[in-house]
N, C-alpha and C. Protein backbone atom coordinates (compact mmCIF):
# COMPACT_ATOMS: atom_id res chain seq x y z
N UNK A 1 40.24 204.27 183.15
CA UNK A 1 40.26 204.82 184.31
C UNK A 1 39.09 204.71 185.18
N UNK A 2 38.02 205.10 184.64
CA UNK A 2 36.74 205.03 185.44
C UNK A 2 36.32 203.48 185.71
N UNK A 3 36.79 202.67 184.89
CA UNK A 3 36.37 201.15 185.17
C UNK A 3 37.34 200.76 186.27
N UNK A 4 38.40 201.16 186.62
CA UNK A 4 39.45 200.95 187.59
C UNK A 4 38.70 201.28 188.84
N UNK A 5 38.28 202.67 188.88
CA UNK A 5 37.78 203.25 189.97
C UNK A 5 36.34 202.51 190.38
N UNK A 6 35.54 202.06 189.46
CA UNK A 6 34.26 201.39 189.56
C UNK A 6 34.71 200.01 190.42
N UNK A 7 35.75 199.30 189.69
CA UNK A 7 36.00 198.02 190.47
C UNK A 7 36.52 198.32 191.77
N UNK A 8 37.47 199.31 192.08
CA UNK A 8 37.90 199.52 193.45
C UNK A 8 36.69 199.94 194.41
N UNK A 9 35.60 200.54 193.88
CA UNK A 9 34.54 200.80 194.62
C UNK A 9 33.76 199.63 194.84
N UNK A 10 33.48 198.77 193.97
CA UNK A 10 32.82 197.56 194.20
C UNK A 10 33.54 196.71 195.09
N UNK A 11 34.73 196.41 195.04
CA UNK A 11 35.69 195.58 195.93
C UNK A 11 35.56 196.20 197.27
N UNK A 12 35.54 197.62 197.51
CA UNK A 12 35.41 198.13 198.75
C UNK A 12 33.87 197.78 199.52
N UNK A 13 32.96 198.13 198.67
CA UNK A 13 31.70 197.87 199.07
C UNK A 13 31.39 196.24 199.56
N UNK A 14 31.95 195.27 198.74
CA UNK A 14 31.94 193.89 198.97
C UNK A 14 32.66 193.67 200.43
N UNK A 15 33.80 194.24 200.44
CA UNK A 15 34.42 193.97 201.81
C UNK A 15 33.74 194.54 202.96
N UNK A 16 33.34 195.72 202.82
CA UNK A 16 32.33 196.27 203.83
C UNK A 16 31.24 195.43 204.25
N UNK A 17 30.52 194.93 203.33
CA UNK A 17 29.46 193.91 203.60
C UNK A 17 29.92 192.71 204.30
N UNK A 18 31.01 192.21 203.92
CA UNK A 18 31.69 191.07 204.68
C UNK A 18 32.05 191.42 206.19
N UNK A 19 32.47 192.75 206.40
CA UNK A 19 32.79 193.06 207.84
C UNK A 19 31.48 193.30 208.52
N UNK A 20 30.47 193.81 208.11
CA UNK A 20 29.26 194.03 208.71
C UNK A 20 28.65 192.68 209.04
N UNK A 21 28.58 191.74 208.13
CA UNK A 21 28.16 190.24 208.45
C UNK A 21 28.98 189.64 209.70
N UNK A 22 30.27 189.92 209.60
CA UNK A 22 31.31 189.27 210.71
C UNK A 22 30.89 189.94 211.98
N UNK A 23 30.59 191.16 212.09
CA UNK A 23 30.47 192.09 213.27
C UNK A 23 28.96 191.64 213.86
N UNK A 24 28.09 191.40 212.83
CA UNK A 24 26.79 191.11 213.24
C UNK A 24 26.49 189.61 213.91
N UNK A 25 27.45 188.70 213.54
CA UNK A 25 27.42 187.39 214.07
C UNK A 25 27.62 187.47 215.49
N UNK A 26 28.46 188.33 216.17
CA UNK A 26 28.58 188.49 217.55
C UNK A 26 29.73 187.36 217.93
N UNK A 27 30.26 186.63 217.04
CA UNK A 27 31.30 185.69 217.28
C UNK A 27 32.62 186.08 217.19
N UNK A 28 32.96 187.42 217.07
CA UNK A 28 34.04 188.18 216.91
C UNK A 28 34.43 188.82 218.25
N UNK A 29 35.82 188.46 218.72
CA UNK A 29 36.18 189.06 219.98
C UNK A 29 36.44 190.58 219.75
N UNK A 30 36.56 191.21 220.95
CA UNK A 30 36.80 192.64 221.09
C UNK A 30 37.95 193.26 220.18
N UNK A 31 39.11 192.66 220.35
CA UNK A 31 40.22 193.06 219.47
C UNK A 31 39.94 192.87 217.96
N UNK A 32 39.45 191.86 217.68
CA UNK A 32 39.00 191.53 216.15
C UNK A 32 38.00 192.43 215.63
N UNK A 33 37.05 192.86 216.63
CA UNK A 33 36.03 193.68 216.31
C UNK A 33 36.58 195.15 216.06
N UNK A 34 37.44 195.65 216.96
CA UNK A 34 38.02 196.86 216.72
C UNK A 34 38.90 196.94 215.49
N UNK A 35 39.62 195.97 215.12
CA UNK A 35 40.39 195.83 214.01
C UNK A 35 39.41 195.90 212.73
N UNK A 36 38.25 195.24 212.70
CA UNK A 36 37.21 195.08 211.59
C UNK A 36 36.67 196.50 211.49
N UNK A 37 36.47 197.20 212.60
CA UNK A 37 35.83 198.53 212.48
C UNK A 37 36.56 199.55 211.78
N UNK A 38 38.01 199.34 212.18
CA UNK A 38 38.93 200.40 211.51
C UNK A 38 39.09 200.13 210.14
N UNK A 39 39.20 198.86 209.78
CA UNK A 39 39.18 198.63 208.51
C UNK A 39 37.90 199.04 207.76
N UNK A 40 36.86 198.70 208.23
CA UNK A 40 35.47 199.23 207.67
C UNK A 40 35.54 200.87 207.48
N UNK A 41 36.10 201.70 208.50
CA UNK A 41 35.86 203.09 208.42
C UNK A 41 37.02 203.54 207.19
N UNK A 42 38.07 202.88 207.13
CA UNK A 42 39.02 203.16 206.08
C UNK A 42 38.31 202.95 204.72
N UNK A 43 37.74 201.77 204.55
CA UNK A 43 37.00 201.47 203.47
C UNK A 43 35.87 202.35 203.10
N UNK A 44 35.13 202.92 204.05
CA UNK A 44 34.11 203.85 203.88
C UNK A 44 34.69 205.21 203.36
N UNK A 45 35.88 205.64 203.99
CA UNK A 45 36.52 206.89 203.36
C UNK A 45 36.79 206.69 202.05
N UNK A 46 37.42 205.64 201.70
CA UNK A 46 37.74 205.43 200.25
C UNK A 46 36.64 205.35 199.28
N UNK A 47 35.56 204.73 199.75
CA UNK A 47 34.38 204.86 198.99
C UNK A 47 33.89 206.16 198.78
N UNK A 48 34.02 206.87 199.86
CA UNK A 48 33.36 208.44 199.88
C UNK A 48 34.42 209.16 198.79
N UNK A 49 35.52 208.97 198.93
CA UNK A 49 36.45 209.60 197.97
C UNK A 49 36.23 209.24 196.39
N UNK A 50 36.05 207.85 196.23
CA UNK A 50 35.79 207.43 195.00
C UNK A 50 34.40 208.09 194.40
N UNK A 51 33.47 208.20 195.18
CA UNK A 51 32.22 208.79 194.88
C UNK A 51 32.46 210.25 194.49
N UNK A 52 33.17 210.84 195.32
CA UNK A 52 33.45 212.38 195.12
C UNK A 52 34.10 212.66 193.68
N UNK A 53 35.23 211.69 193.47
CA UNK A 53 35.83 211.86 192.30
C UNK A 53 34.88 211.61 191.19
N UNK A 54 34.12 210.70 191.09
CA UNK A 54 33.28 210.23 190.24
C UNK A 54 32.21 211.41 189.85
N UNK A 55 31.64 211.94 190.97
CA UNK A 55 30.77 213.13 190.81
C UNK A 55 31.61 214.35 190.23
N UNK A 56 32.74 214.51 190.43
CA UNK A 56 33.47 215.61 189.83
C UNK A 56 33.62 215.37 188.30
N UNK A 57 33.94 214.18 187.99
CA UNK A 57 34.04 213.94 186.48
C UNK A 57 32.70 213.98 185.82
N UNK A 58 31.67 213.53 186.33
CA UNK A 58 30.22 213.70 185.82
C UNK A 58 29.88 215.25 185.68
N UNK A 59 30.36 216.00 186.74
CA UNK A 59 30.00 217.48 186.67
C UNK A 59 30.94 217.96 185.51
N UNK A 60 32.09 217.57 185.26
CA UNK A 60 33.04 218.16 184.42
C UNK A 60 32.59 217.93 182.83
N UNK A 61 32.06 216.63 182.84
CA UNK A 61 31.49 216.17 181.46
C UNK A 61 30.32 217.01 181.01
N UNK A 62 29.41 217.28 182.03
CA UNK A 62 28.34 218.01 181.92
C UNK A 62 28.61 219.43 181.49
N UNK A 63 29.64 220.02 182.20
CA UNK A 63 29.99 221.42 181.84
C UNK A 63 30.60 221.39 180.38
N UNK A 64 31.38 220.43 179.94
CA UNK A 64 31.91 220.33 178.56
C UNK A 64 30.87 220.22 177.67
N UNK A 65 29.84 219.45 177.93
CA UNK A 65 28.75 219.10 177.00
C UNK A 65 27.95 220.48 176.82
N UNK A 66 27.81 221.18 177.89
CA UNK A 66 27.03 222.46 177.77
C UNK A 66 27.86 223.59 176.86
N UNK A 67 29.09 223.41 177.09
CA UNK A 67 29.87 224.48 176.34
C UNK A 67 29.97 224.35 174.88
N UNK A 68 29.92 223.23 174.40
CA UNK A 68 30.02 222.74 172.91
C UNK A 68 28.63 223.05 172.35
N UNK A 69 28.60 223.62 171.07
CA UNK A 69 27.33 223.71 170.35
C UNK A 69 26.70 222.47 169.83
N UNK A 70 25.54 222.38 169.75
CA UNK A 70 25.11 221.07 169.22
C UNK A 70 25.35 220.61 167.81
N UNK A 71 25.40 219.45 167.41
CA UNK A 71 25.70 219.08 166.09
C UNK A 71 24.80 219.74 165.17
N UNK A 72 25.19 219.89 163.82
CA UNK A 72 24.22 220.42 162.94
C UNK A 72 22.91 219.66 162.74
N UNK A 73 22.92 218.59 162.83
CA UNK A 73 21.80 217.66 162.78
C UNK A 73 20.76 218.00 163.89
N UNK A 74 21.25 218.36 165.05
CA UNK A 74 20.36 218.63 166.24
C UNK A 74 19.91 220.11 166.26
N UNK A 75 20.49 220.96 165.42
CA UNK A 75 19.98 222.41 165.41
C UNK A 75 18.69 222.57 164.71
N UNK A 76 17.79 223.36 165.11
CA UNK A 76 16.73 223.64 164.28
C UNK A 76 16.94 224.10 162.79
N UNK A 77 16.02 223.73 162.01
CA UNK A 77 16.16 224.18 160.77
C UNK A 77 16.10 225.69 160.63
N UNK A 78 16.83 226.32 159.67
CA UNK A 78 16.68 227.69 159.42
C UNK A 78 15.22 227.94 158.71
N UNK A 79 14.81 229.20 159.02
CA UNK A 79 13.71 229.57 158.36
C UNK A 79 13.79 230.04 156.93
N UNK A 80 13.53 229.29 156.04
CA UNK A 80 13.82 229.47 154.66
C UNK A 80 13.03 230.60 154.02
N UNK A 81 11.95 231.05 154.73
CA UNK A 81 11.01 232.05 154.15
C UNK A 81 11.65 233.44 154.37
N UNK A 82 12.61 233.61 155.28
CA UNK A 82 13.13 234.82 155.46
C UNK A 82 14.08 235.12 154.25
N UNK A 83 14.12 236.46 153.55
CA UNK A 83 14.96 236.76 152.44
C UNK A 83 16.56 236.79 152.74
N UNK A 84 16.91 236.93 154.03
CA UNK A 84 18.25 237.05 154.37
C UNK A 84 18.85 236.09 155.12
């Protein structure tokens, strides 16, 4: 699922770059410029949402990792000099 989101994010960024290039050329008429601007704003919103979702997933994974005890191999050795 994360790969699908990454692909959607990359595709949206690529399209945004194309839109910016088209608008920067100055060869686009007013109507087409408005259309491209609207498409770009929608793509930007999509990217923001995808980033928000990814951040939430990272935060959740961090919380889960913090709640789990470390594996036995990662725990410090017990002090064997203590009699108990």
